[in-house]
PDB file of N, CA and C in Angstrom:
ATOM      1  N   GLN A   1      97.654 136.030  87.720  1.00  0.00           N
ATOM      2  CA  GLN A   1      98.741 135.837  86.773  1.00  0.00           C
ATOM      3  C   GLN A   1      99.445 137.168  86.557  1.00  0.00           C
ATOM      4  N   GLU A   2     100.750 137.151  86.730  1.00  0.00           N
ATOM      5  CA  GLU A   2     101.508 138.371  86.522  1.00  0.00           C
ATOM      6  C   GLU A   2     101.495 138.726  85.049  1.00  0.00           C
ATOM      7  N   GLN A   3     101.287 140.016  84.762  1.00  0.00           N
ATOM      8  CA  GLN A   3     101.272 140.419  83.368  1.00  0.00           C
ATOM      9  C   GLN A   3     101.570 141.910  83.229  1.00  0.00           C
ATOM     10  N   VAL A   4     101.885 142.287  81.994  1.00  0.00           N
ATOM     11  CA  VAL A   4     102.051 143.680  81.632  1.00  0.00           C
ATOM     12  C   VAL A   4     101.236 143.935  80.394  1.00  0.00           C
ATOM     13  N   LEU A   5     100.734 145.155  80.242  1.00  0.00           N
ATOM     14  CA  LEU A   5      99.831 145.495  79.155  1.00  0.00           C
ATOM     15  C   LEU A   5     100.249 146.806  78.521  1.00  0.00           C
ATOM     16  N   GLU A   6     100.433 146.789  77.198  1.00  0.00           N
ATOM     17  CA  GLU A   6     100.838 147.978  76.475  1.00  0.00           C
ATOM     18  C   GLU A   6      99.638 148.734  75.910  1.00  0.00           C
ATOM     19  N   SER A   7      99.837 150.022  75.710  1.00  0.00           N
ATOM     20  CA  SER A   7      98.844 150.851  75.032  1.00  0.00           C
ATOM     21  C   SER A   7      99.563 151.998  74.346  1.00  0.00           C
ATOM     22  N   GLY A   8      98.875 152.635  73.389  1.00  0.00           N
ATOM     23  CA  GLY A   8      99.409 153.841  72.780  1.00  0.00           C
ATOM     24  C   GLY A   8      99.999 153.695  71.397  1.00  0.00           C
ATOM     25  N   GLY A   9      99.969 152.513  70.824  1.00  0.00           N
ATOM     26  CA  GLY A   9     100.497 152.350  69.476  1.00  0.00           C
ATOM     27  C   GLY A   9      99.620 153.052  68.454  1.00  0.00           C
ATOM     28  N   GLY A  10     100.105 153.101  67.221  1.00  0.00           N
ATOM     29  CA  GLY A  10      99.324 153.715  66.158  1.00  0.00           C
ATOM     30  C   GLY A  10     100.178 153.996  64.949  1.00  0.00           C
ATOM     31  N   SER A  11      99.657 154.850  64.078  1.00  0.00           N
ATOM     32  CA  SER A  11     100.346 155.204  62.841  1.00  0.00           C
ATOM     33  C   SER A  11     100.709 156.681  62.858  1.00  0.00           C
ATOM     34  N   VAL A  12     101.889 156.980  62.339  1.00  0.00           N
ATOM     35  CA  VAL A  12     102.364 158.361  62.318  1.00  0.00           C
ATOM     36  C   VAL A  12     103.294 158.522  61.128  1.00  0.00           C
ATOM     37  N   GLN A  13     103.431 159.746  60.651  1.00  0.00           N
ATOM     38  CA  GLN A  13     104.367 160.005  59.563  1.00  0.00           C
ATOM     39  C   GLN A  13     105.776 160.179  60.108  1.00  0.00           C
ATOM     40  N   ALA A  14     106.741 159.947  59.254  1.00  0.00           N
ATOM     41  CA  ALA A  14     108.138 160.106  59.646  1.00  0.00           C
ATOM     42  C   ALA A  14     108.367 161.497  60.224  1.00  0.00           C
ATOM     43  N   GLY A  15     109.126 161.537  61.315  1.00  0.00           N
ATOM     44  CA  GLY A  15     109.374 162.794  62.003  1.00  0.00           C
ATOM     45  C   GLY A  15     108.402 163.060  63.138  1.00  0.00           C
ATOM     46  N   GLY A  16     107.345 162.278  63.190  1.00  0.00           N
ATOM     47  CA  GLY A  16     106.334 162.464  64.220  1.00  0.00           C
ATOM     48  C   GLY A  16     106.686 161.787  65.523  1.00  0.00           C
ATOM     49  N   SER A  17     105.734 161.815  66.463  1.00  0.00           N
ATOM     50  CA  SER A  17     105.955 161.276  67.806  1.00  0.00           C
ATOM     51  C   SER A  17     104.799 160.387  68.229  1.00  0.00           C
ATOM     52  N   LEU A  18     105.115 159.430  69.087  1.00  0.00           N
ATOM     53  CA  LEU A  18     104.115 158.589  69.738  1.00  0.00           C
ATOM     54  C   LEU A  18     104.580 158.306  71.160  1.00  0.00           C
ATOM     55  N   ARG A  19     103.627 158.042  72.030  1.00  0.00           N
ATOM     56  CA  ARG A  19     103.955 157.696  73.411  1.00  0.00           C
ATOM     57  C   ARG A  19     103.282 156.375  73.747  1.00  0.00           C
ATOM     58  N   LEU A  20     104.074 155.424  74.147  1.00  0.00           N
ATOM     59  CA  LEU A  20     103.569 154.127  74.570  1.00  0.00           C
ATOM     60  C   LEU A  20     103.546 154.052  76.090  1.00  0.00           C
ATOM     61  N   SER A  21     102.577 153.320  76.611  1.00  0.00           N
ATOM     62  CA  SER A  21     102.498 153.130  78.052  1.00  0.00           C
ATOM     63  C   SER A  21     102.400 151.640  78.376  1.00  0.00           C
ATOM     64  N   CYS A  22     102.933 151.291  79.536  1.00  0.00           N
ATOM     65  CA  CYS A  22     102.894 149.909  80.003  1.00  0.00           C
ATOM     66  C   CYS A  22     102.345 149.895  81.429  1.00  0.00           C
ATOM     67  N   THR A  23     101.319 149.103  81.638  1.00  0.00           N
ATOM     68  CA  THR A  23     100.745 148.944  82.971  1.00  0.00           C
ATOM     69  C   THR A  23     101.043 147.537  83.458  1.00  0.00           C
ATOM     70  N   ALA A  24     101.588 147.433  84.677  1.00  0.00           N
ATOM     71  CA  ALA A  24     101.953 146.131  85.229  1.00  0.00           C
ATOM     72  C   ALA A  24     100.992 145.726  86.341  1.00  0.00           C
ATOM     73  N   SER A  25     100.761 144.432  86.441  1.00  0.00           N
ATOM     74  CA  SER A  25      99.844 143.919  87.466  1.00  0.00           C
ATOM     75  C   SER A  25     100.523 143.792  88.819  1.00  0.00           C
ATOM     76  N   ALA A  26     101.852 143.919  88.832  1.00  0.00           N
ATOM     77  CA  ALA A  26     102.610 143.812  90.076  1.00  0.00           C
ATOM     78  C   ALA A  26     103.786 144.783  90.013  1.00  0.00           C
ATOM     79  N   TYR A  27     104.490 144.876  91.119  1.00  0.00           N
ATOM     80  CA  TYR A  27     105.662 145.757  91.149  1.00  0.00           C
ATOM     81  C   TYR A  27     106.879 145.001  90.624  1.00  0.00           C
ATOM     82  N   TYR A  28     107.600 145.636  89.708  1.00  0.00           N
ATOM     83  CA  TYR A  28     108.831 145.053  89.176  1.00  0.00           C
ATOM     84  C   TYR A  28     109.942 146.081  89.261  1.00  0.00           C
ATOM     85  N   PRO A  29     111.103 145.735  89.787  1.00  0.00           N
ATOM     86  CA  PRO A  29     112.192 146.691  89.930  1.00  0.00           C
ATOM     87  C   PRO A  29     112.888 147.033  88.613  1.00  0.00           C
ATOM     88  N   CYS A  30     112.645 146.245  87.598  1.00  0.00           N
ATOM     89  CA  CYS A  30     113.281 146.450  86.300  1.00  0.00           C
ATOM     90  C   CYS A  30     112.267 146.149  85.207  1.00  0.00           C
ATOM     91  N   LEU A  31     112.108 147.090  84.298  1.00  0.00           N
ATOM     92  CA  LEU A  31     111.176 146.911  83.179  1.00  0.00           C
ATOM     93  C   LEU A  31     111.856 147.319  81.884  1.00  0.00           C
ATOM     94  N   ALA A  32     111.347 146.796  80.774  1.00  0.00           N
ATOM     95  CA  ALA A  32     111.986 147.052  79.490  1.00  0.00           C
ATOM     96  C   ALA A  32     110.957 147.201  78.379  1.00  0.00           C
ATOM     97  N   TRP A  33     111.385 147.829  77.313  1.00  0.00           N
ATOM     98  CA  TRP A  33     110.642 147.874  76.062  1.00  0.00           C
ATOM     99  C   TRP A  33     111.463 147.158  74.995  1.00  0.00           C
ATOM    100  N   PHE A  34     110.793 146.316  74.230  1.00  0.00           N
ATOM    101  CA  PHE A  34     111.391 145.621  73.095  1.00  0.00           C
ATOM    102  C   PHE A  34     110.544 145.903  71.869  1.00  0.00           C
ATOM    103  N   ARG A  35     111.062 145.573  70.691  1.00  0.00           N
ATOM    104  CA  ARG A  35     110.273 145.671  69.472  1.00  0.00           C
ATOM    105  C   ARG A  35     110.655 144.539  68.536  1.00  0.00           C
ATOM    106  N   GLN A  36     109.726 144.241  67.652  1.00  0.00           N
ATOM    107  CA  GLN A  36     109.954 143.139  66.718  1.00  0.00           C
ATOM    108  C   GLN A  36     109.348 143.455  65.368  1.00  0.00           C
ATOM    109  N   VAL A  37     110.172 143.382  64.349  1.00  0.00           N
ATOM    110  CA  VAL A  37     109.724 143.471  62.968  1.00  0.00           C
ATOM    111  C   VAL A  37     109.397 142.059  62.505  1.00  0.00           C
ATOM    112  N   SER A  38     108.332 141.931  61.749  1.00  0.00           N
ATOM    113  CA  SER A  38     107.910 140.611  61.287  1.00  0.00           C
ATOM    114  C   SER A  38     109.056 139.873  60.613  1.00  0.00           C
ATOM    115  N   GLY A  39     109.296 138.640  61.048  1.00  0.00           N
ATOM    116  CA  GLY A  39     110.349 137.832  60.473  1.00  0.00           C
ATOM    117  C   GLY A  39     111.715 138.048  61.084  1.00  0.00           C
ATOM    118  N   GLN A  40     111.805 138.973  62.025  1.00  0.00           N
ATOM    119  CA  GLN A  40     113.083 139.239  62.684  1.00  0.00           C
ATOM    120  C   GLN A  40     112.971 138.955  64.179  1.00  0.00           C
ATOM    121  N   GLU A  41     114.107 138.865  64.850  1.00  0.00           N
ATOM    122  CA  GLU A  41     114.111 138.639  66.293  1.00  0.00           C
ATOM    123  C   GLU A  41     113.729 139.921  67.042  1.00  0.00           C
ATOM    124  N   ARG A  42     113.232 139.727  68.251  1.00  0.00           N
ATOM    125  CA  ARG A  42     112.920 140.884  69.086  1.00  0.00           C
ATOM    126  C   ARG A  42     114.216 141.552  69.519  1.00  0.00           C
ATOM    127  N   GLU A  43     114.194 142.868  69.497  1.00  0.00           N
ATOM    128  CA  GLU A  43     115.374 143.611  69.925  1.00  0.00           C
ATOM    129  C   GLU A  43     115.010 144.547  71.074  1.00  0.00           C
ATOM    130  N   GLY A  44     115.945 144.669  71.995  1.00  0.00           N
ATOM    131  CA  GLY A  44     115.729 145.556  73.124  1.00  0.00           C
ATOM    132  C   GLY A  44     115.781 147.008  72.688  1.00  0.00           C
ATOM    133  N   VAL A  45     114.897 147.813  73.238  1.00  0.00           N
ATOM    134  CA  VAL A  45     114.837 149.240  72.920  1.00  0.00           C
ATOM    135  C   VAL A  45     115.349 150.069  74.099  1.00  0.00           C
ATOM    136  N   ALA A  46     114.833 149.785  75.290  1.00  0.00           N
ATOM    137  CA  ALA A  46     115.231 150.557  76.470  1.00  0.00           C
ATOM    138  C   ALA A  46     114.865 149.786  77.736  1.00  0.00           C
ATOM    139  N   THR A  47     115.598 150.076  78.803  1.00  0.00           N
ATOM    140  CA  THR A  47     115.271 149.510  80.111  1.00  0.00           C
ATOM    141  C   THR A  47     115.281 150.614  81.150  1.00  0.00           C
ATOM    142  N   MET A  48     114.562 150.367  82.249  1.00  0.00           N
ATOM    143  CA  MET A  48     114.569 151.324  83.348  1.00  0.00           C
ATOM    144  C   MET A  48     114.569 150.591  84.676  1.00  0.00           C
ATOM    145  N   HIS A  49     115.524 150.939  85.535  1.00  0.00           N
ATOM    146  CA  HIS A  49     115.639 150.357  86.861  1.00  0.00           C
ATOM    147  C   HIS A  49     114.819 151.188  87.851  1.00  0.00           C
ATOM    148  N   LYS A  50     114.441 150.559  88.957  1.00  0.00           N
ATOM    149  CA  LYS A  50     113.620 151.241  89.962  1.00  0.00           C
ATOM    150  C   LYS A  50     114.276 152.502  90.491  1.00  0.00           C
ATOM    151  N   PHE A  51     115.599 152.582  90.441  1.00  0.00           N
ATOM    152  CA  PHE A  51     116.299 153.766  90.935  1.00  0.00           C
ATOM    153  C   PHE A  51     116.519 154.798  89.840  1.00  0.00           C
ATOM    154  N   GLY A  52     115.924 154.559  88.679  1.00  0.00           N
ATOM    155  CA  GLY A  52     115.968 155.562  87.629  1.00  0.00           C
ATOM    156  C   GLY A  52     117.023 155.358  86.560  1.00  0.00           C
ATOM    157  N   MET A  53     117.888 154.358  86.729  1.00  0.00           N
ATOM    158  CA  MET A  53     118.917 154.121  85.714  1.00  0.00           C
ATOM    159  C   MET A  53     118.263 153.613  84.436  1.00  0.00           C
ATOM    160  N   THR A  54     118.730 154.143  83.302  1.00  0.00           N
ATOM    161  CA  THR A  54     118.167 153.761  82.011  1.00  0.00           C
ATOM    162  C   THR A  54     119.269 153.339  81.043  1.00  0.00           C
ATOM    163  N   GLN A  55     118.889 152.577  80.040  1.00  0.00           N
ATOM    164  CA  GLN A  55     119.796 152.269  78.946  1.00  0.00           C
ATOM    165  C   GLN A  55     118.970 152.146  77.680  1.00  0.00           C
ATOM    166  N   TYR A  56     119.625 152.432  76.552  1.00  0.00           N
ATOM    167  CA  TYR A  56     118.929 152.465  75.281  1.00  0.00           C
ATOM    168  C   TYR A  56     119.727 151.730  74.207  1.00  0.00           C
ATOM    169  N   ALA A  57     119.009 151.200  73.245  1.00  0.00           N
ATOM    170  CA  ALA A  57     119.655 150.677  72.049  1.00  0.00           C
ATOM    171  C   ALA A  57     120.244 151.851  71.272  1.00  0.00           C
ATOM    172  N   ASP A  58     121.369 151.636  70.626  1.00  0.00           N
ATOM    173  CA  ASP A  58     122.016 152.708  69.878  1.00  0.00           C
ATOM    174  C   ASP A  58     121.078 153.309  68.831  1.00  0.00           C
ATOM    175  N   SER A  59     120.217 152.494  68.263  1.00  0.00           N
ATOM    176  CA  SER A  59     119.343 152.946  67.180  1.00  0.00           C
ATOM    177  C   SER A  59     118.289 153.958  67.622  1.00  0.00           C
ATOM    178  N   VAL A  60     118.057 154.065  68.937  1.00  0.00           N
ATOM    179  CA  VAL A  60     117.012 154.975  69.414  1.00  0.00           C
ATOM    180  C   VAL A  60     117.547 156.067  70.331  1.00  0.00           C
ATOM    181  N   LYS A  61     118.830 156.015  70.660  1.00  0.00           N
ATOM    182  CA  LYS A  61     119.402 157.020  71.568  1.00  0.00           C
ATOM    183  C   LYS A  61     119.186 158.416  71.023  1.00  0.00           C
ATOM    184  N   GLY A  62     118.764 159.319  71.908  1.00  0.00           N
ATOM    185  CA  GLY A  62     118.525 160.698  71.512  1.00  0.00           C
ATOM    186  C   GLY A  62     117.149 160.938  70.929  1.00  0.00           C
ATOM    187  N   ARG A  63     116.414 159.876  70.632  1.00  0.00           N
ATOM    188  CA  ARG A  63     115.074 160.023  70.066  1.00  0.00           C
ATOM    189  C   ARG A  63     113.989 159.466  70.993  1.00  0.00           C
ATOM    190  N   PHE A  64     114.304 158.386  71.689  1.00  0.00           N
ATOM    191  CA  PHE A  64     113.336 157.741  72.578  1.00  0.00           C
ATOM    192  C   PHE A  64     113.706 158.019  74.033  1.00  0.00           C
ATOM    193  N   THR A  65     112.694 158.140  74.886  1.00  0.00           N
ATOM    194  CA  THR A  65     112.909 158.332  76.315  1.00  0.00           C
ATOM    195  C   THR A  65     111.995 157.405  77.098  1.00  0.00           C
ATOM    196  N   ILE A  66     112.587 156.618  77.985  1.00  0.00           N
ATOM    197  CA  ILE A  66     111.813 155.732  78.861  1.00  0.00           C
ATOM    198  C   ILE A  66     111.654 156.420  80.210  1.00  0.00           C
ATOM    199  N   SER A  67     110.462 156.332  80.792  1.00  0.00           N
ATOM    200  CA  SER A  67     110.224 157.021  82.055  1.00  0.00           C
ATOM    201  C   SER A  67     109.077 156.367  82.807  1.00  0.00           C
ATOM    202  N   LYS A  68     108.994 156.695  84.084  1.00  0.00           N
ATOM    203  CA  LYS A  68     107.885 156.223  84.902  1.00  0.00           C
ATOM    204  C   LYS A  68     106.922 157.377  85.138  1.00  0.00           C
ATOM    205  N   ASP A  69     105.639 157.086  85.070  1.00  0.00           N
ATOM    206  CA  ASP A  69     104.630 158.065  85.432  1.00  0.00           C
ATOM    207  C   ASP A  69     104.038 157.570  86.746  1.00  0.00           C
ATOM    208  N   ASN A  70     104.466 158.162  87.846  1.00  0.00           N
ATOM    209  CA  ASN A  70     104.033 157.665  89.156  1.00  0.00           C
ATOM    210  C   ASN A  70     102.546 157.901  89.403  1.00  0.00           C
ATOM    211  N   ASP A  71     102.004 158.968  88.816  1.00  0.00           N
ATOM    212  CA  ASP A  71     100.577 159.247  89.024  1.00  0.00           C
ATOM    213  C   ASP A  71      99.721 158.186  88.337  1.00  0.00           C
ATOM    214  N   ARG A  72     100.121 157.833  87.104  1.00  0.00           N
ATOM    215  CA  ARG A  72      99.359 156.855  86.342  1.00  0.00           C
ATOM    216  C   ARG A  72      99.854 155.439  86.581  1.00  0.00           C
ATOM    217  N   ARG A  73     100.996 155.325  87.291  1.00  0.00           N
ATOM    218  CA  ARG A  73     101.607 154.032  87.594  1.00  0.00           C
ATOM    219  C   ARG A  73     101.884 153.254  86.320  1.00  0.00           C
ATOM    220  N   THR A  74     102.514 153.948  85.373  1.00  0.00           N
ATOM    221  CA  THR A  74     102.869 153.318  84.118  1.00  0.00           C
ATOM    222  C   THR A  74     104.349 153.518  83.816  1.00  0.00           C
ATOM    223  N   LEU A  75     104.856 152.671  82.919  1.00  0.00           N
ATOM    224  CA  LEU A  75     106.180 152.848  82.339  1.00  0.00           C
ATOM    225  C   LEU A  75     105.939 153.328  80.920  1.00  0.00           C
ATOM    226  N   ASP A  76     106.468 154.488  80.579  1.00  0.00           N
ATOM    227  CA  ASP A  76     106.182 155.075  79.288  1.00  0.00           C
ATOM    228  C   ASP A  76     107.415 155.062  78.380  1.00  0.00           C
ATOM    229  N   LEU A  77     107.148 155.083  77.080  1.00  0.00           N
ATOM    230  CA  LEU A  77     108.203 155.221  76.084  1.00  0.00           C
ATOM    231  C   LEU A  77     107.798 156.349  75.147  1.00  0.00           C
ATOM    232  N   GLN A  78     108.448 157.484  75.297  1.00  0.00           N
ATOM    233  CA  GLN A  78     108.211 158.620  74.415  1.00  0.00           C
ATOM    234  C   GLN A  78     109.103 158.474  73.196  1.00  0.00           C
ATOM    235  N   MET A  79     108.496 158.421  72.031  1.00  0.00           N
ATOM    236  CA  MET A  79     109.240 158.208  70.790  1.00  0.00           C
ATOM    237  C   MET A  79     109.105 159.434  69.908  1.00  0.00           C
ATOM    238  N   ASN A  80     110.209 160.118  69.684  1.00  0.00           N
ATOM    239  CA  ASN A  80     110.242 161.322  68.858  1.00  0.00           C
ATOM    240  C   ASN A  80     111.071 161.070  67.601  1.00  0.00           C
ATOM    241  N   SER A  81     110.914 161.963  66.647  1.00  0.00           N
ATOM    242  CA  SER A  81     111.671 161.866  65.386  1.00  0.00           C
ATOM    243  C   SER A  81     111.598 160.453  64.814  1.00  0.00           C
ATOM    244  N   LEU A  82     110.406 159.925  64.753  1.00  0.00           N
ATOM    245  CA  LEU A  82     110.234 158.541  64.317  1.00  0.00           C
ATOM    246  C   LEU A  82     110.617 158.368  62.853  1.00  0.00           C
ATOM    247  N   LYS A  83     111.166 157.200  62.569  1.00  0.00           N
ATOM    248  CA  LYS A  83     111.608 156.847  61.225  1.00  0.00           C
ATOM    249  C   LYS A  83     110.841 155.618  60.747  1.00  0.00           C
ATOM    250  N   PRO A  84     110.731 155.426  59.450  1.00  0.00           N
ATOM    251  CA  PRO A  84     110.049 154.218  58.946  1.00  0.00           C
ATOM    252  C   PRO A  84     110.647 152.932  59.515  1.00  0.00           C
ATOM    253  N   GLU A  85     111.936 152.924  59.784  1.00  0.00           N
ATOM    254  CA  GLU A  85     112.571 151.720  60.329  1.00  0.00           C
ATOM    255  C   GLU A  85     112.215 151.454  61.789  1.00  0.00           C
ATOM    256  N   ASP A  86     111.492 152.385  62.411  1.00  0.00           N
ATOM    257  CA  ASP A  86     110.992 152.153  63.766  1.00  0.00           C
ATOM    258  C   ASP A  86     109.693 151.350  63.753  1.00  0.00           C
ATOM    259  N   THR A  87     109.143 151.140  62.566  1.00  0.00           N
ATOM    260  CA  THR A  87     107.914 150.357  62.443  1.00  0.00           C
ATOM    261  C   THR A  87     108.125 148.955  62.985  1.00  0.00           C
ATOM    262  N   ALA A  88     107.275 148.558  63.946  1.00  0.00           N
ATOM    263  CA  ALA A  88     107.418 147.259  64.596  1.00  0.00           C
ATOM    264  C   ALA A  88     106.280 147.067  65.587  1.00  0.00           C
ATOM    265  N   VAL A  89     106.190 145.877  66.130  1.00  0.00           N
ATOM    266  CA  VAL A  89     105.335 145.643  67.290  1.00  0.00           C
ATOM    267  C   VAL A  89     106.200 145.889  68.522  1.00  0.00           C
ATOM    268  N   TYR A  90     105.729 146.732  69.396  1.00  0.00           N
ATOM    269  CA  TYR A  90     106.479 147.099  70.591  1.00  0.00           C
ATOM    270  C   TYR A  90     105.913 146.353  71.797  1.00  0.00           C
ATOM    271  N   TYR A  91     106.816 145.779  72.588  1.00  0.00           N
ATOM    272  CA  TYR A  91     106.437 144.963  73.736  1.00  0.00           C
ATOM    273  C   TYR A  91     106.986 145.535  75.026  1.00  0.00           C
ATOM    274  N   CYS A  92     106.153 145.576  76.035  1.00  0.00           N
ATOM    275  CA  CYS A  92     106.624 145.816  77.389  1.00  0.00           C
ATOM    276  C   CYS A  92     107.086 144.476  77.943  1.00  0.00           C
ATOM    277  N   ALA A  93     108.156 144.473  78.713  1.00  0.00           N
ATOM    278  CA  ALA A  93     108.724 143.209  79.160  1.00  0.00           C
ATOM    279  C   ALA A  93     109.312 143.323  80.560  1.00  0.00           C
ATOM    280  N   VAL A  94     109.294 142.207  81.259  1.00  0.00           N
ATOM    281  CA  VAL A  94     109.868 142.141  82.601  1.00  0.00           C
ATOM    282  C   VAL A  94     111.065 141.200  82.567  1.00  0.00           C
ATOM    283  N   PRO A  95     112.266 141.739  82.779  1.00  0.00           N
ATOM    284  CA  PRO A  95     113.449 140.876  82.832  1.00  0.00           C
ATOM    285  C   PRO A  95     113.395 139.924  84.016  1.00  0.00           C
ATOM    286  N   ARG A  96     114.058 138.807  83.848  1.00  0.00           N
ATOM    287  CA  ARG A  96     114.057 137.785  84.889  1.00  0.00           C
ATOM    288  C   ARG A  96     114.777 138.256  86.141  1.00  0.00           C
ATOM    289  N   TYR A  97     115.807 139.055  85.975  1.00  0.00           N
ATOM    290  CA  TYR A  97     116.596 139.532  87.111  1.00  0.00           C
ATOM    291  C   TYR A  97     116.693 141.043  87.108  1.00  0.00           C
ATOM    292  N   GLU A  98     116.667 141.636  88.287  1.00  0.00           N
ATOM    293  CA  GLU A  98     116.775 143.085  88.444  1.00  0.00           C
ATOM    294  C   GLU A  98     118.069 143.609  87.837  1.00  0.00           C
ATOM    295  N   SER A  99     119.112 142.817  87.904  1.00  0.00           N
ATOM    296  CA  SER A  99     120.423 143.247  87.414  1.00  0.00           C
ATOM    297  C   SER A  99     120.432 143.483  85.905  1.00  0.00           C
ATOM    298  N   ALA A 100     119.438 142.970  85.205  1.00  0.00           N
ATOM    299  CA  ALA A 100     119.378 143.171  83.752  1.00  0.00           C
ATOM    300  C   ALA A 100     119.277 144.640  83.396  1.00  0.00           C
ATOM    301  N   CYS A 101     118.728 145.440  84.300  1.00  0.00           N
ATOM    302  CA  CYS A 101     118.576 146.856  84.032  1.00  0.00           C
ATOM    303  C   CYS A 101     119.879 147.630  84.169  1.00  0.00           C
ATOM    304  N   THR A 102     120.898 146.979  84.690  1.00  0.00           N
ATOM    305  CA  THR A 102     122.190 147.645  84.843  1.00  0.00           C
ATOM    306  C   THR A 102     123.278 146.947  84.040  1.00  0.00           C
ATOM    307  N   SER A 103     122.869 146.171  83.065  1.00  0.00           N
ATOM    308  CA  SER A 103     123.827 145.516  82.179  1.00  0.00           C
ATOM    309  C   SER A 103     123.217 145.383  80.797  1.00  0.00           C
ATOM    310  N   ALA A 104     124.046 145.063  79.844  1.00  0.00           N
ATOM    311  CA  ALA A 104     123.583 144.926  78.464  1.00  0.00           C
ATOM    312  C   ALA A 104     122.602 143.772  78.311  1.00  0.00           C
ATOM    313  N   ASP A 105     122.574 142.859  79.285  1.00  0.00           N
ATOM    314  CA  ASP A 105     121.636 141.731  79.226  1.00  0.00           C
ATOM    315  C   ASP A 105     120.188 142.196  79.168  1.00  0.00           C
ATOM    316  N   GLY A 106     119.929 143.389  79.704  1.00  0.00           N
ATOM    317  CA  GLY A 106     118.574 143.893  79.735  1.00  0.00           C
ATOM    318  C   GLY A 106     117.984 144.112  78.353  1.00  0.00           C
ATOM    319  N   LEU A 107     118.837 144.250  77.351  1.00  0.00           N
ATOM    320  CA  LEU A 107     118.375 144.479  75.981  1.00  0.00           C
ATOM    321  C   LEU A 107     118.383 143.193  75.156  1.00  0.00           C
ATOM    322  N   LEU A 108     118.539 142.064  75.831  1.00  0.00           N
ATOM    323  CA  LEU A 108     118.519 140.768  75.155  1.00  0.00           C
ATOM    324  C   LEU A 108     117.229 140.019  75.493  1.00  0.00           C
ATOM    325  N   SER A 109     116.580 139.476  74.490  1.00  0.00           N
ATOM    326  CA  SER A 109     115.291 138.828  74.711  1.00  0.00           C
ATOM    327  C   SER A 109     115.418 137.609  75.617  1.00  0.00           C
ATOM    328  N   ARG A 110     116.596 136.988  75.683  1.00  0.00           N
ATOM    329  CA  ARG A 110     116.769 135.814  76.542  1.00  0.00           C
ATOM    330  C   ARG A 110     116.672 136.157  78.025  1.00  0.00           C
ATOM    331  N   SER A 111     116.775 137.470  78.347  1.00  0.00           N
ATOM    332  CA  SER A 111     116.703 137.908  79.743  1.00  0.00           C
ATOM    333  C   SER A 111     115.277 138.111  80.225  1.00  0.00           C
ATOM    334  N   ILE A 112     114.301 137.989  79.348  1.00  0.00           N
ATOM    335  CA  ILE A 112     112.927 138.355  79.663  1.00  0.00           C
ATOM    336  C   ILE A 112     112.125 137.178  80.207  1.00  0.00           C
ATOM    337  N   ALA A 113     111.403 137.453  81.318  1.00  0.00           N
ATOM    338  CA  ALA A 113     110.560 136.430  81.924  1.00  0.00           C
ATOM    339  C   ALA A 113     109.090 136.609  81.553  1.00  0.00           C
ATOM    340  N   ILE A 114     108.663 137.866  81.386  1.00  0.00           N
ATOM    341  CA  ILE A 114     107.252 138.144  81.099  1.00  0.00           C
ATOM    342  C   ILE A 114     107.173 139.106  79.908  1.00  0.00           C
ATOM    343  N   TRP A 115     106.312 138.776  78.956  1.00  0.00           N
ATOM    344  CA  TRP A 115     106.077 139.624  77.792  1.00  0.00           C
ATOM    345  C   TRP A 115     104.643 140.122  77.778  1.00  0.00           C
ATOM    346  N   GLY A 116     104.472 141.360  77.341  1.00  0.00           N
ATOM    347  CA  GLY A 116     103.138 141.840  77.063  1.00  0.00           C
ATOM    348  C   GLY A 116     102.684 141.326  75.710  1.00  0.00           C
ATOM    349  N   ARG A 117     101.480 141.699  75.304  1.00  0.00           N
ATOM    350  CA  ARG A 117     100.941 141.224  74.034  1.00  0.00           C
ATOM    351  C   ARG A 117     101.440 142.049  72.852  1.00  0.00           C
ATOM    352  N   GLY A 118     101.914 143.232  73.121  1.00  0.00           N
ATOM    353  CA  GLY A 118     102.471 144.069  72.065  1.00  0.00           C
ATOM    354  C   GLY A 118     101.485 145.077  71.514  1.00  0.00           C
ATOM    355  N   THR A 119     102.024 146.149  70.969  1.00  0.00           N
ATOM    356  CA  THR A 119     101.216 147.184  70.329  1.00  0.00           C
ATOM    357  C   THR A 119     101.941 147.618  69.053  1.00  0.00           C
ATOM    358  N   GLN A 120     101.175 147.771  67.968  1.00  0.00           N
ATOM    359  CA  GLN A 120     101.765 148.071  66.673  1.00  0.00           C
ATOM    360  C   GLN A 120     102.086 149.555  66.543  1.00  0.00           C
ATOM    361  N   VAL A 121     103.282 149.833  66.064  1.00  0.00           N
ATOM    362  CA  VAL A 121     103.694 151.196  65.713  1.00  0.00           C
ATOM    363  C   VAL A 121     104.072 151.180  64.235  1.00  0.00           C
ATOM    364  N   THR A 122     103.438 152.051  63.468  1.00  0.00           N
ATOM    365  CA  THR A 122     103.709 152.136  62.033  1.00  0.00           C
ATOM    366  C   THR A 122     104.111 153.559  61.682  1.00  0.00           C
ATOM    367  N   VAL A 123     105.271 153.699  61.065  1.00  0.00           N
ATOM    368  CA  VAL A 123     105.778 155.004  60.669  1.00  0.00           C
ATOM    369  C   VAL A 123     105.883 155.031  59.150  1.00  0.00           C
ATOM    370  N   SER A 124     105.160 155.949  58.533  1.00  0.00           N
ATOM    371  CA  SER A 124     105.150 156.030  57.080  1.00  0.00           C
ATOM    372  C   SER A 124     106.066 157.151  56.608  1.00  0.00           C
ATOM    373  N   SER A 125     106.633 156.959  55.432  1.00  0.00           N
ATOM    374  CA  SER A 125     107.567 157.953  54.895  1.00  0.00           C
ATOM    375  C   SER A 125     106.851 159.010  54.095  1.00  0.00           C
TER     376      SER A 125
END
C-alpha cells in the first residue's frame, strides 16, 4: 500500500523552530505539506516538484522551507520563526497529478491522492 509517514512534530515556544520529515514508500514526482487546525479545512503549506520547484502559502513564506534530503530520502519542512497560529496537525501529502506542484492546485486539498497520518505541532506564546 502506497503511503507517506510524517515525523518531527512537537511543542515549541513562539519564535522557535521545528523540522518535519516525510518518508514515502514509493517515488513521487510531487509532494506537499498541508496543515489542519481542529474544526477547519486542511490548507496547503508548501509543495516541491522533483526538479526542485517549490511553492508556499503566503502565511509561511520567508519562514518555512521545503526541501529534499537525498541521503535520508525524506521530504523535510523546516519551520522557523514559529507563531501560535502555526499550531496544527501537519500532513505529508501526495498530489494526484505531478502538475499540481507547478500550479496553485498543489495547495488545494482536493488535489491530494494520498495523506499521511499527520504530526502535531504546537506553538505556545
